[in-house]
Amino acid sequence: MTSPDRHPDYQRYSMASLQQALSGADGADAARRQRIEAEIAQRQQDDLEAQQRQWAARPQDQPLDPAAAALQDAAKPHLRSAGYALLFTWVVLRVSAWFDIVLADSWNYFVGGIELLIFGIFLLRGNLRAARWLRWLAVFSVVPTVLVLDSLFMQPLSLTLTQFKLAPVRHGWLVLETVLLLWLIHYVCRQLGMPAVMAACDARGYRRPDLRIPAIAGLILGACGVVVGLAALQGETARQARAIVAQRYGAGYQYHVNGVGESVVPEGRFYTAQVLVWDDKGILSVPVRWPQ
C-alpha cells in the first residue's frame, strides 16, 4: 500500500491537472483516486458557494431559467424599438443644437438630452431595469414637456405672432421639437408597456410601478412652475422693470417682462429683469437693473 505521506499535494493542482491525474496513473491507485475525487468535489462546492454569494449580492448576475429567458427574448424587440426611437430623437436634438450655435451663437442646451443617449443604449442591450425607470420618467415628464412652450402662452399674443413672423423657422422648430418629444414619450410608454415587456419584468421579480404617482408628481411640478412664473412676471418687480424700460423707449413700443431676479455685486444688491421691447418691425431684449 502506498504511504499517504508520499501522495502528491493535490491542493496545489489546478482543476485541469486534477482531471488529468484522475484519468492517469494516479487514478489507478485507489487511495490517490479517493483524494483526487475529494479535492475536485471540494473545489466544486467552493465554486458553487462563491457563485451563490455573488448572486445574493448581485441578483441580476444570476442566469435566467429557460422560461424567463424566453420571456426576455420576446421583450427585446420592443426594447430595441424604444431604444432606436430614443437615439433618433437624440440625434435630431443634437443637430438642432448645432444649428442653434451656428445661427444664433448660443451654447444653450448643447449638452442636454444625454439621458436619451444613455437610456437608448441600455434598451438596445435589453436592460429591463432601465425600461422600468424610463417608463416612470416618461410619464412624469408629460406635463413639463408641454410646458416647454409656456412662453408662448404666458406672453402677449402679439409678441408671439411677431416672433413667428420675424423668425418662423426658429420658433416653428421649437414647436416641432416639443411635438417630437411628446411623440417619443407616447411611443416609449406604449412599447415598454407591452405585455411581453411586462411579463419579462414580472419574471425577473420587478415590481410594477404605480404610474399614477409620476403622473401626479409631474402635474404638480408643472403647475407650481406656472404659478411661480406668473407670480414673478406679474409682480411689483416686473411692473417696475417695465416702467423703467418704457421711459427709455417711449410709447411707440410694446413691453413684456420675461425674467426677473436679484443680483449681489460690490456696489450692492440690485433687482434685475429682462424686458422684451417690440413693434411690427423687430424685437429687442433689454436687460435692466436698479438698486433694492
Protein backbone atom coordinates (compact mmCIF):
# COMPACT_ATOMS: atom_id res chain seq x y z
CA MET A 1 0.00 0.00 0.00
CA THR A 2 1.26 3.46 -0.84
CA SER A 3 2.09 5.63 2.19
CA PRO A 4 -0.16 8.74 2.47
CA ASP A 5 2.93 10.80 3.11
CA ARG A 6 4.09 10.01 -0.40
CA HIS A 7 0.87 11.25 -2.01
CA PRO A 8 1.23 14.42 -4.13
CA ASP A 9 -0.16 17.68 -2.70
CA TYR A 10 -3.29 17.80 -4.80
CA GLN A 11 -4.31 21.14 -3.29
CA ARG A 12 -1.61 22.73 -5.43
CA TYR A 13 -3.01 21.21 -8.62
CA SER A 14 -5.23 23.14 -10.99
CA MET A 15 -8.60 21.67 -11.85
CA ALA A 16 -7.31 20.62 -15.26
CA SER A 17 -4.33 18.88 -13.64
CA LEU A 18 -6.63 17.07 -11.21
CA GLN A 19 -8.78 15.81 -14.06
CA GLN A 20 -5.67 14.68 -15.90
CA ALA A 21 -4.31 12.90 -12.81
CA LEU A 22 -7.67 11.20 -12.29
CA SER A 23 -7.52 9.67 -15.76
CA GLY A 24 -3.82 8.77 -15.45
CA ALA A 25 -1.67 6.64 -13.23
CA ASP A 26 -2.78 8.35 -10.02
CA GLY A 27 -6.37 7.45 -10.79
CA ALA A 28 -5.43 3.79 -10.92
CA ASP A 29 -4.36 3.95 -7.26
CA ALA A 30 -7.45 3.67 -5.05
CA ALA A 31 -6.15 5.90 -2.25
CA ARG A 32 -4.91 8.60 -4.62
CA ARG A 33 -8.10 8.41 -6.66
CA GLN A 34 -10.15 8.98 -3.49
CA ARG A 35 -8.07 12.05 -2.57
CA ILE A 36 -8.30 13.46 -6.10
CA GLU A 37 -12.09 12.99 -6.19
CA ALA A 38 -12.42 14.58 -2.75
CA GLU A 39 -10.32 17.58 -3.86
CA ILE A 40 -12.42 18.02 -7.03
CA ALA A 41 -15.67 17.80 -5.06
CA GLN A 42 -14.42 20.34 -2.53
CA ARG A 43 -13.44 22.80 -5.26
CA GLN A 44 -16.79 22.39 -6.99
CA GLN A 45 -18.55 23.05 -3.67
CA ASP A 46 -16.39 26.14 -3.05
CA ASP A 47 -17.18 27.44 -6.54
CA LEU A 48 -20.89 26.87 -6.01
CA GLU A 49 -20.85 28.72 -2.68
CA ALA A 50 -18.92 31.62 -4.19
CA GLN A 51 -21.43 31.80 -7.04
CA GLN A 52 -24.34 31.78 -4.59
CA ARG A 53 -22.74 34.66 -2.67
CA GLN A 54 -22.30 36.60 -5.91
CA TRP A 55 -25.93 36.07 -6.89
CA ALA A 56 -27.06 37.16 -3.42
CA ALA A 57 -25.07 40.40 -3.78
CA ARG A 58 -25.98 40.96 -7.45
CA PRO A 59 -29.23 39.12 -8.32
CA GLN A 60 -29.03 40.49 -11.87
CA ASP A 61 -25.97 38.30 -12.50
CA GLN A 62 -27.92 35.10 -11.86
CA PRO A 63 -28.64 33.26 -15.13
CA LEU A 64 -32.26 33.09 -16.14
CA ASP A 65 -34.19 29.88 -16.20
CA PRO A 66 -35.36 28.86 -19.70
CA ALA A 67 -38.90 30.24 -19.22
CA ALA A 68 -37.67 33.64 -18.02
CA ALA A 69 -35.06 33.76 -20.78
CA ALA A 70 -37.77 33.10 -23.38
CA LEU A 71 -39.86 35.95 -21.94
CA GLN A 72 -36.90 38.32 -22.06
CA ASP A 73 -36.20 37.36 -25.68
CA ALA A 74 -39.84 38.13 -26.51
CA ALA A 75 -39.47 41.58 -24.90
CA LYS A 76 -36.25 42.52 -26.72
CA PRO A 77 -37.91 43.71 -29.99
CA HIS A 78 -39.96 46.25 -28.02
CA LEU A 79 -36.92 47.36 -26.03
CA ARG A 80 -34.88 47.81 -29.21
CA SER A 81 -37.70 49.71 -30.90
CA ALA A 82 -37.90 52.15 -27.97
CA GLY A 83 -34.10 52.39 -27.89
CA TYR A 84 -33.87 53.33 -31.57
CA ALA A 85 -36.58 55.97 -31.05
CA LEU A 86 -34.53 57.48 -28.23
CA LEU A 87 -31.36 57.54 -30.32
CA PHE A 88 -33.20 59.08 -33.28
CA THR A 89 -34.59 61.85 -31.07
CA TRP A 90 -31.18 62.44 -29.53
CA VAL A 91 -29.60 62.87 -32.99
CA VAL A 92 -32.34 65.31 -34.06
CA LEU A 93 -31.85 67.40 -30.93
CA ARG A 94 -28.06 67.45 -31.36
CA VAL A 95 -28.36 68.60 -34.97
CA SER A 96 -30.80 71.29 -33.82
CA ALA A 97 -28.33 72.39 -31.14
CA TRP A 98 -25.53 72.71 -33.71
CA PHE A 99 -27.73 74.86 -35.94
CA ASP A 100 -28.62 77.00 -32.92
CA ILE A 101 -24.93 77.51 -32.24
CA VAL A 102 -24.20 78.43 -35.84
CA LEU A 103 -27.21 80.66 -36.46
CA ALA A 104 -27.76 82.23 -33.04
CA ASP A 105 -24.30 81.96 -31.47
CA SER A 106 -25.84 80.24 -28.46
CA TRP A 107 -24.50 77.32 -26.43
CA ASN A 108 -27.75 76.74 -24.58
CA TYR A 109 -28.75 73.11 -24.09
CA PHE A 110 -25.81 71.83 -26.13
CA VAL A 111 -25.13 69.07 -23.64
CA GLY A 112 -28.83 68.48 -22.93
CA GLY A 113 -30.57 65.27 -23.87
CA ILE A 114 -27.68 62.99 -22.86
CA GLU A 115 -30.20 60.91 -20.91
CA LEU A 116 -31.80 59.92 -24.23
CA LEU A 117 -28.49 58.50 -25.42
CA ILE A 118 -27.84 56.63 -22.16
CA PHE A 119 -31.29 55.08 -21.93
CA GLY A 120 -31.22 54.25 -25.64
CA ILE A 121 -28.01 52.25 -25.23
CA PHE A 122 -29.40 50.39 -22.21
CA LEU A 123 -32.59 49.48 -24.07
CA LEU A 124 -30.67 48.23 -27.10
CA ARG A 125 -28.79 45.94 -24.68
CA GLY A 126 -32.12 44.58 -23.40
CA ASN A 127 -31.91 46.09 -19.92
CA LEU A 128 -35.29 45.63 -18.25
CA ARG A 129 -34.38 47.68 -15.19
CA ALA A 130 -33.68 50.69 -17.43
CA ALA A 131 -37.00 50.08 -19.20
CA ARG A 132 -38.88 50.30 -15.88
CA TRP A 133 -37.19 53.54 -14.88
CA LEU A 134 -37.62 55.08 -18.33
CA ARG A 135 -41.33 54.37 -18.41
CA TRP A 136 -41.70 56.02 -14.99
CA LEU A 137 -39.73 59.08 -16.10
CA ALA A 138 -41.64 59.33 -19.38
CA VAL A 139 -44.97 59.54 -17.58
CA PHE A 140 -43.51 62.08 -15.15
CA SER A 141 -42.25 64.32 -17.98
CA VAL A 142 -45.51 64.69 -19.94
CA VAL A 143 -46.64 67.95 -18.32
CA PRO A 144 -43.12 69.50 -18.02
CA THR A 145 -42.58 68.78 -21.72
CA VAL A 146 -45.81 70.52 -22.69
CA LEU A 147 -44.75 73.48 -20.58
CA VAL A 148 -41.63 73.93 -22.70
CA LEU A 149 -44.00 76.04 -24.77
CA ASP A 150 -45.23 78.01 -21.76
CA SER A 151 -43.51 81.13 -23.08
CA LEU A 152 -45.95 81.11 -26.00
CA PHE A 153 -48.93 81.13 -23.61
CA MET A 154 -47.57 83.34 -20.83
CA GLN A 155 -46.77 86.29 -23.10
CA PRO A 156 -48.94 88.63 -25.19
CA LEU A 157 -50.33 87.08 -28.37
CA SER A 158 -48.98 89.99 -30.43
CA LEU A 159 -45.44 89.16 -29.25
CA THR A 160 -45.85 85.51 -30.20
CA LEU A 161 -47.13 86.42 -33.65
CA THR A 162 -44.26 88.86 -34.15
CA GLN A 163 -41.72 86.20 -33.13
CA PHE A 164 -43.10 83.73 -35.67
CA LYS A 165 -43.24 86.45 -38.30
CA LEU A 166 -39.61 87.51 -37.84
CA ALA A 167 -38.10 84.05 -37.21
CA PRO A 168 -40.58 81.43 -38.41
CA VAL A 169 -38.00 78.63 -38.72
CA ARG A 170 -36.54 79.02 -35.25
CA HIS A 171 -39.82 79.34 -33.38
CA GLY A 172 -41.56 76.80 -35.58
CA TRP A 173 -38.76 74.33 -34.82
CA LEU A 174 -39.31 74.86 -31.08
CA VAL A 175 -42.88 73.69 -31.51
CA LEU A 176 -41.78 70.73 -33.66
CA GLU A 177 -39.20 69.71 -31.04
CA THR A 178 -41.90 69.66 -28.39
CA VAL A 179 -44.18 67.62 -30.64
CA LEU A 180 -41.28 65.21 -31.27
CA LEU A 181 -40.67 64.80 -27.53
CA LEU A 182 -44.37 64.20 -26.86
CA TRP A 183 -44.44 61.58 -29.62
CA LEU A 184 -41.34 59.95 -28.09
CA ILE A 185 -42.99 59.83 -24.65
CA HIS A 186 -46.11 58.22 -26.13
CA TYR A 187 -44.10 55.73 -28.20
CA VAL A 188 -41.77 54.74 -25.37
CA CYS A 189 -44.63 54.28 -22.91
CA ARG A 190 -46.51 52.12 -25.43
CA GLN A 191 -43.51 49.94 -26.30
CA LEU A 192 -42.35 49.47 -22.71
CA GLY A 193 -45.91 48.77 -21.58
CA MET A 194 -46.37 45.87 -23.99
CA PRO A 195 -47.48 42.58 -22.37
CA ALA A 196 -44.22 40.90 -23.41
CA VAL A 197 -42.16 43.53 -21.58
CA MET A 198 -44.40 43.39 -18.52
CA ALA A 199 -44.17 39.59 -18.42
CA ALA A 200 -40.38 39.72 -18.67
CA CYS A 201 -40.20 42.22 -15.79
CA ASP A 202 -42.51 40.01 -13.72
CA ALA A 203 -40.26 37.00 -14.40
CA ARG A 204 -37.26 38.96 -13.10
CA GLY A 205 -39.16 39.82 -9.93
CA TYR A 206 -39.50 43.55 -10.68
CA ARG A 207 -42.49 45.16 -9.01
CA ARG A 208 -44.81 47.00 -11.38
CA PRO A 209 -44.72 50.73 -10.55
CA ASP A 210 -47.88 52.74 -9.98
CA LEU A 211 -47.76 55.19 -12.89
CA ARG A 212 -50.28 57.47 -11.23
CA ILE A 213 -47.50 58.64 -8.91
CA PRO A 214 -45.21 60.09 -11.63
CA ALA A 215 -48.22 61.48 -13.49
CA ILE A 216 -49.43 63.38 -10.41
CA ALA A 217 -45.89 64.45 -9.49
CA GLY A 218 -45.30 65.83 -13.00
CA LEU A 219 -48.61 67.67 -12.92
CA ILE A 220 -47.82 69.23 -9.53
CA LEU A 221 -44.34 70.25 -10.66
CA GLY A 222 -45.68 71.82 -13.84
CA ALA A 223 -48.47 73.65 -12.03
CA CYS A 224 -46.06 75.01 -9.43
CA GLY A 225 -43.75 76.22 -12.18
CA VAL A 226 -46.56 78.05 -13.95
CA VAL A 227 -47.85 79.64 -10.74
CA VAL A 228 -44.39 80.80 -9.67
CA GLY A 229 -43.63 82.11 -13.16
CA LEU A 230 -46.86 84.04 -13.42
CA ALA A 231 -46.42 85.47 -9.93
CA ALA A 232 -42.90 86.65 -10.74
CA LEU A 233 -43.75 88.14 -14.13
CA GLN A 234 -46.85 89.91 -12.87
CA GLY A 235 -45.41 91.16 -9.59
CA GLU A 236 -44.15 94.54 -8.47
CA THR A 237 -40.59 93.89 -9.67
CA ALA A 238 -41.81 93.13 -13.20
CA ARG A 239 -44.04 96.22 -13.25
CA GLN A 240 -41.14 98.42 -12.16
CA ALA A 241 -38.84 96.93 -14.80
CA ARG A 242 -41.48 97.54 -17.48
CA ALA A 243 -41.88 101.14 -16.35
CA ILE A 244 -38.11 101.80 -16.43
CA VAL A 245 -37.75 100.46 -19.98
CA ALA A 246 -40.92 102.24 -21.15
CA GLN A 247 -39.48 105.56 -20.01
CA ARG A 248 -36.39 104.86 -22.09
CA TYR A 249 -38.08 103.76 -25.34
CA GLY A 250 -41.40 105.62 -25.27
CA ALA A 251 -44.97 104.79 -26.16
CA GLY A 252 -44.33 103.50 -29.70
CA TYR A 253 -43.46 100.02 -28.48
CA GLN A 254 -44.99 97.19 -26.50
CA TYR A 255 -43.27 95.71 -23.47
CA HIS A 256 -43.17 92.30 -21.81
CA VAL A 257 -41.01 91.13 -18.89
CA ASN A 258 -39.79 87.56 -19.45
CA GLY A 259 -37.45 87.24 -16.49
CA VAL A 260 -36.80 88.78 -13.09
CA GLY A 261 -34.22 88.18 -10.40
CA GLU A 262 -31.76 89.66 -7.95
CA SER A 263 -28.01 90.16 -8.01
CA VAL A 264 -25.37 90.99 -5.43
CA VAL A 265 -22.32 92.93 -6.65
CA PRO A 266 -19.69 95.05 -4.88
CA GLU A 267 -21.89 98.10 -5.47
CA GLY A 268 -24.74 96.49 -3.52
CA ARG A 269 -27.91 94.45 -4.09
CA PHE A 270 -29.93 95.01 -7.26
CA TYR A 271 -33.16 93.88 -8.82
CA THR A 272 -32.62 92.54 -12.35
CA ALA A 273 -35.01 91.91 -15.22
CA GLN A 274 -35.12 91.13 -18.91
CA VAL A 275 -37.69 93.10 -20.89
CA LEU A 276 -38.78 92.41 -24.46
CA VAL A 277 -39.47 95.57 -26.48
CA TRP A 278 -41.19 95.10 -29.82
CA ASP A 279 -43.20 96.55 -32.65
CA ASP A 280 -44.10 95.24 -36.10
CA LYS A 281 -40.52 95.63 -37.35
CA GLY A 282 -38.46 93.93 -34.65
CA ILE A 283 -37.93 92.64 -31.15
CA LEU A 284 -35.29 93.84 -28.72
CA SER A 285 -34.31 92.18 -25.43
CA VAL A 286 -33.33 94.83 -22.88
CA PRO A 287 -31.62 93.96 -19.57
CA VAL A 288 -32.31 96.35 -16.73
CA ARG A 289 -31.30 96.60 -13.08
CA TRP A 290 -31.90 99.01 -10.21
CA PRO A 291 -30.90 99.10 -6.55
CA GLN A 292 -33.06 97.49 -3.92
